[in-house]
Amino acid sequence: MAKYEKELSGDFDDFLGYIHQGIIGGSMSASFEDGSDWQDGEVRVSMRVYER
């Protein structure tokens, strides 16, 4: 299982889209299975589950 953690500044939604497209576009068999988002003030957390 791969896990990626990163603290960043900038547009969070653009970053999520970039990561998603990289995973889906980089594998013929990858699929998005589930995800959840959480926010507390300025802190945002997104969890995504992919299967290939």
PDB file of N, CA and C in Angstrom:
ATOM      1  N   MET A   1       0.840  -1.167   0.000  1.00  0.00           N
ATOM      2  CA  MET A   1       0.000   0.000   0.000  1.00  0.00           C
ATOM      3  C   MET A   1       0.891   1.237   0.000  1.00  0.00           C
ATOM      4  N   ALA A   2       0.577   2.195  -0.831  1.00  0.00           N
ATOM      5  CA  ALA A   2       1.316   3.450  -0.893  1.00  0.00           C
ATOM      6  C   ALA A   2       0.575   4.513  -0.100  1.00  0.00           C
ATOM      7  N   LYS A   3       1.333   5.378   0.526  1.00  0.00           N
ATOM      8  CA  LYS A   3       0.743   6.473   1.297  1.00  0.00           C
ATOM      9  C   LYS A   3       1.541   7.731   0.993  1.00  0.00           C
ATOM     10  N   TYR A   4       0.854   8.846   0.777  1.00  0.00           N
ATOM     11  CA  TYR A   4       1.508  10.108   0.466  1.00  0.00           C
ATOM     12  C   TYR A   4       0.985  11.162   1.428  1.00  0.00           C
ATOM     13  N   GLU A   5       1.879  11.802   2.162  1.00  0.00           N
ATOM     14  CA  GLU A   5       1.506  12.886   3.066  1.00  0.00           C
ATOM     15  C   GLU A   5       2.302  14.117   2.690  1.00  0.00           C
ATOM     16  N   LYS A   6       1.644  15.282   2.707  1.00  0.00           N
ATOM     17  CA  LYS A   6       2.325  16.508   2.311  1.00  0.00           C
ATOM     18  C   LYS A   6       1.639  17.711   2.935  1.00  0.00           C
ATOM     19  N   GLU A   7       2.426  18.610   3.488  1.00  0.00           N
ATOM     20  CA  GLU A   7       1.922  19.907   3.941  1.00  0.00           C
ATOM     21  C   GLU A   7       2.208  20.888   2.824  1.00  0.00           C
ATOM     22  N   LEU A   8       1.214  21.665   2.395  1.00  0.00           N
ATOM     23  CA  LEU A   8       1.421  22.545   1.269  1.00  0.00           C
ATOM     24  C   LEU A   8       0.643  23.831   1.418  1.00  0.00           C
ATOM     25  N   SER A   9       0.995  24.775   0.564  1.00  0.00           N
ATOM     26  CA  SER A   9       0.224  26.013   0.458  1.00  0.00           C
ATOM     27  C   SER A   9      -0.200  26.148  -0.997  1.00  0.00           C
ATOM     28  N   GLY A  10      -1.270  26.838  -1.241  1.00  0.00           N
ATOM     29  CA  GLY A  10      -1.792  26.980  -2.596  1.00  0.00           C
ATOM     30  C   GLY A  10      -3.216  26.478  -2.662  1.00  0.00           C
ATOM     31  N   ASP A  11      -3.670  26.176  -3.855  1.00  0.00           N
ATOM     32  CA  ASP A  11      -5.050  25.738  -4.063  1.00  0.00           C
ATOM     33  C   ASP A  11      -5.172  24.241  -3.804  1.00  0.00           C
ATOM     34  N   PHE A  12      -5.818  23.901  -2.721  1.00  0.00           N
ATOM     35  CA  PHE A  12      -5.963  22.507  -2.289  1.00  0.00           C
ATOM     36  C   PHE A  12      -6.732  21.679  -3.312  1.00  0.00           C
ATOM     37  N   ASP A  13      -7.796  22.239  -3.865  1.00  0.00           N
ATOM     38  CA  ASP A  13      -8.615  21.512  -4.831  1.00  0.00           C
ATOM     39  C   ASP A  13      -7.845  21.224  -6.121  1.00  0.00           C
ATOM     40  N   ASP A  14      -7.020  22.176  -6.563  1.00  0.00           N
ATOM     41  CA  ASP A  14      -6.174  21.934  -7.734  1.00  0.00           C
ATOM     42  C   ASP A  14      -5.199  20.801  -7.462  1.00  0.00           C
ATOM     43  N   PHE A  15      -4.619  20.775  -6.265  1.00  0.00           N
ATOM     44  CA  PHE A  15      -3.684  19.723  -5.899  1.00  0.00           C
ATOM     45  C   PHE A  15      -4.361  18.353  -5.907  1.00  0.00           C
ATOM     46  N   LEU A  16      -5.568  18.272  -5.327  1.00  0.00           N
ATOM     47  CA  LEU A  16      -6.307  17.005  -5.331  1.00  0.00           C
ATOM     48  C   LEU A  16      -6.586  16.532  -6.753  1.00  0.00           C
ATOM     49  N   GLY A  17      -6.985  17.447  -7.622  1.00  0.00           N
ATOM     50  CA  GLY A  17      -7.243  17.094  -9.012  1.00  0.00           C
ATOM     51  C   GLY A  17      -5.985  16.613  -9.720  1.00  0.00           C
ATOM     52  N   TYR A  18      -4.863  17.257  -9.440  1.00  0.00           N
ATOM     53  CA  TYR A  18      -3.583  16.869 -10.032  1.00  0.00           C
ATOM     54  C   TYR A  18      -3.192  15.460  -9.605  1.00  0.00           C
ATOM     55  N   ILE A  19      -3.292  15.168  -8.316  1.00  0.00           N
ATOM     56  CA  ILE A  19      -2.958  13.837  -7.799  1.00  0.00           C
ATOM     57  C   ILE A  19      -3.909  12.782  -8.382  1.00  0.00           C
ATOM     58  N   HIS A  20      -5.202  13.097  -8.384  1.00  0.00           N
ATOM     59  CA  HIS A  20      -6.201  12.153  -8.907  1.00  0.00           C
ATOM     60  C   HIS A  20      -5.925  11.813 -10.371  1.00  0.00           C
ATOM     61  N   GLN A  21      -5.715  12.832 -11.190  1.00  0.00           N
ATOM     62  CA  GLN A  21      -5.453  12.591 -12.604  1.00  0.00           C
ATOM     63  C   GLN A  21      -4.150  11.823 -12.815  1.00  0.00           C
ATOM     64  N   GLY A  22      -3.155  12.083 -11.978  1.00  0.00           N
ATOM     65  CA  GLY A  22      -1.901  11.354 -12.075  1.00  0.00           C
ATOM     66  C   GLY A  22      -2.070   9.879 -11.785  1.00  0.00           C
ATOM     67  N   ILE A  23      -2.896   9.556 -10.822  1.00  0.00           N
ATOM     68  CA  ILE A  23      -3.130   8.149 -10.464  1.00  0.00           C
ATOM     69  C   ILE A  23      -3.982   7.460 -11.524  1.00  0.00           C
ATOM     70  N   ILE A  24      -5.103   8.070 -11.872  1.00  0.00           N
ATOM     71  CA  ILE A  24      -6.010   7.462 -12.849  1.00  0.00           C
ATOM     72  C   ILE A  24      -5.374   7.428 -14.239  1.00  0.00           C
ATOM     73  N   GLY A  25      -4.704   8.499 -14.621  1.00  0.00           N
ATOM     74  CA  GLY A  25      -4.096   8.565 -15.941  1.00  0.00           C
ATOM     75  C   GLY A  25      -2.824   7.744 -16.071  1.00  0.00           C
ATOM     76  N   GLY A  26      -2.215   7.395 -14.947  1.00  0.00           N
ATOM     77  CA  GLY A  26      -0.965   6.666 -14.984  1.00  0.00           C
ATOM     78  C   GLY A  26      -1.113   5.163 -14.932  1.00  0.00           C
ATOM     79  N   SER A  27      -2.341   4.680 -14.860  1.00  0.00           N
ATOM     80  CA  SER A  27      -2.568   3.240 -14.775  1.00  0.00           C
ATOM     81  C   SER A  27      -3.852   2.883 -15.503  1.00  0.00           C
ATOM     82  N   MET A  28      -3.779   1.859 -16.338  1.00  0.00           N
ATOM     83  CA  MET A  28      -4.978   1.429 -17.067  1.00  0.00           C
ATOM     84  C   MET A  28      -5.985   0.756 -16.146  1.00  0.00           C
ATOM     85  N   SER A  29      -5.529   0.249 -14.999  1.00  0.00           N
ATOM     86  CA  SER A  29      -6.438  -0.515 -14.142  1.00  0.00           C
ATOM     87  C   SER A  29      -6.788   0.197 -12.837  1.00  0.00           C
ATOM     88  N   ALA A  30      -6.270   1.404 -12.610  1.00  0.00           N
ATOM     89  CA  ALA A  30      -6.570   2.109 -11.361  1.00  0.00           C
ATOM     90  C   ALA A  30      -8.010   2.617 -11.362  1.00  0.00           C
ATOM     91  N   SER A  31      -8.647   2.523 -10.209  1.00  0.00           N
ATOM     92  CA  SER A  31      -9.997   3.061 -10.061  1.00  0.00           C
ATOM     93  C   SER A  31     -10.125   3.743  -8.704  1.00  0.00           C
ATOM     94  N   PHE A  32     -10.908   4.814  -8.689  1.00  0.00           N
ATOM     95  CA  PHE A  32     -11.200   5.528  -7.453  1.00  0.00           C
ATOM     96  C   PHE A  32     -12.293   4.760  -6.720  1.00  0.00           C
ATOM     97  N   GLU A  33     -12.034   4.351  -5.496  1.00  0.00           N
ATOM     98  CA  GLU A  33     -12.988   3.545  -4.734  1.00  0.00           C
ATOM     99  C   GLU A  33     -13.790   4.367  -3.729  1.00  0.00           C
ATOM    100  N   ASP A  34     -13.141   5.285  -3.016  1.00  0.00           N
ATOM    101  CA  ASP A  34     -13.831   6.030  -1.967  1.00  0.00           C
ATOM    102  C   ASP A  34     -12.965   7.211  -1.557  1.00  0.00           C
ATOM    103  N   GLY A  35     -13.567   8.138  -0.858  1.00  0.00           N
ATOM    104  CA  GLY A  35     -12.828   9.278  -0.344  1.00  0.00           C
ATOM    105  C   GLY A  35     -13.628  10.003   0.708  1.00  0.00           C
ATOM    106  N   SER A  36     -12.936  10.772   1.532  1.00  0.00           N
ATOM    107  CA  SER A  36     -13.617  11.607   2.517  1.00  0.00           C
ATOM    108  C   SER A  36     -12.789  12.871   2.726  1.00  0.00           C
ATOM    109  N   ASP A  37     -13.471  13.920   3.142  1.00  0.00           N
ATOM    110  CA  ASP A  37     -12.840  15.219   3.376  1.00  0.00           C
ATOM    111  C   ASP A  37     -13.234  15.722   4.748  1.00  0.00           C
ATOM    112  N   TRP A  38     -12.305  16.443   5.361  1.00  0.00           N
ATOM    113  CA  TRP A  38     -12.544  17.007   6.683  1.00  0.00           C
ATOM    114  C   TRP A  38     -11.893  18.376   6.740  1.00  0.00           C
ATOM    115  N   GLN A  39     -12.527  19.336   7.398  1.00  0.00           N
ATOM    116  CA  GLN A  39     -11.960  20.675   7.534  1.00  0.00           C
ATOM    117  C   GLN A  39     -12.238  21.208   8.922  1.00  0.00           C
ATOM    118  N   ASP A  40     -11.211  21.840   9.506  1.00  0.00           N
ATOM    119  CA  ASP A  40     -11.327  22.516  10.797  1.00  0.00           C
ATOM    120  C   ASP A  40     -10.581  23.828  10.668  1.00  0.00           C
ATOM    121  N   GLY A  41     -11.317  24.902  10.509  1.00  0.00           N
ATOM    122  CA  GLY A  41     -10.676  26.200  10.282  1.00  0.00           C
ATOM    123  C   GLY A  41      -9.958  26.182   8.945  1.00  0.00           C
ATOM    124  N   GLU A  42      -8.663  26.490   8.964  1.00  0.00           N
ATOM    125  CA  GLU A  42      -7.872  26.508   7.740  1.00  0.00           C
ATOM    126  C   GLU A  42      -7.266  25.155   7.398  1.00  0.00           C
ATOM    127  N   VAL A  43      -7.437  24.175   8.258  1.00  0.00           N
ATOM    128  CA  VAL A  43      -6.846  22.849   8.034  1.00  0.00           C
ATOM    129  C   VAL A  43      -7.829  21.989   7.250  1.00  0.00           C
ATOM    130  N   ARG A  44      -7.350  21.437   6.121  1.00  0.00           N
ATOM    131  CA  ARG A  44      -8.166  20.524   5.313  1.00  0.00           C
ATOM    132  C   ARG A  44      -7.450  19.198   5.188  1.00  0.00           C
ATOM    133  N   VAL A  45      -8.217  18.134   5.292  1.00  0.00           N
ATOM    134  CA  VAL A  45      -7.687  16.782   5.150  1.00  0.00           C
ATOM    135  C   VAL A  45      -8.563  16.041   4.143  1.00  0.00           C
ATOM    136  N   SER A  46      -7.925  15.379   3.192  1.00  0.00           N
ATOM    137  CA  SER A  46      -8.641  14.553   2.221  1.00  0.00           C
ATOM    138  C   SER A  46      -8.022  13.169   2.215  1.00  0.00           C
ATOM    139  N   MET A  47      -8.865  12.189   2.244  1.00  0.00           N
ATOM    140  CA  MET A  47      -8.412  10.794   2.190  1.00  0.00           C
ATOM    141  C   MET A  47      -9.039  10.192   0.938  1.00  0.00           C
ATOM    142  N   ARG A  48      -8.200   9.567   0.118  1.00  0.00           N
ATOM    143  CA  ARG A  48      -8.672   8.931  -1.109  1.00  0.00           C
ATOM    144  C   ARG A  48      -8.217   7.490  -1.130  1.00  0.00           C
ATOM    145  N   VAL A  49      -9.077   6.611  -1.653  1.00  0.00           N
ATOM    146  CA  VAL A  49      -8.752   5.194  -1.769  1.00  0.00           C
ATOM    147  C   VAL A  49      -8.846   4.806  -3.234  1.00  0.00           C
ATOM    148  N   TYR A  50      -7.751   4.260  -3.742  1.00  0.00           N
ATOM    149  CA  TYR A  50      -7.694   3.795  -5.125  1.00  0.00           C
ATOM    150  C   TYR A  50      -7.356   2.315  -5.112  1.00  0.00           C
ATOM    151  N   GLU A  51      -7.841   1.619  -6.145  1.00  0.00           N
ATOM    152  CA  GLU A  51      -7.502   0.202  -6.289  1.00  0.00           C
ATOM    153  C   GLU A  51      -7.018  -0.010  -7.719  1.00  0.00           C
ATOM    154  N   ARG A  52      -6.072  -0.899  -7.853  1.00  0.00           N
ATOM    155  CA  ARG A  52      -5.642  -1.231  -9.218  1.00  0.00           C
ATOM    156  C   ARG A  52      -5.491  -2.714  -9.379  1.00  0.00           C
TER     157      ARG A  52
END
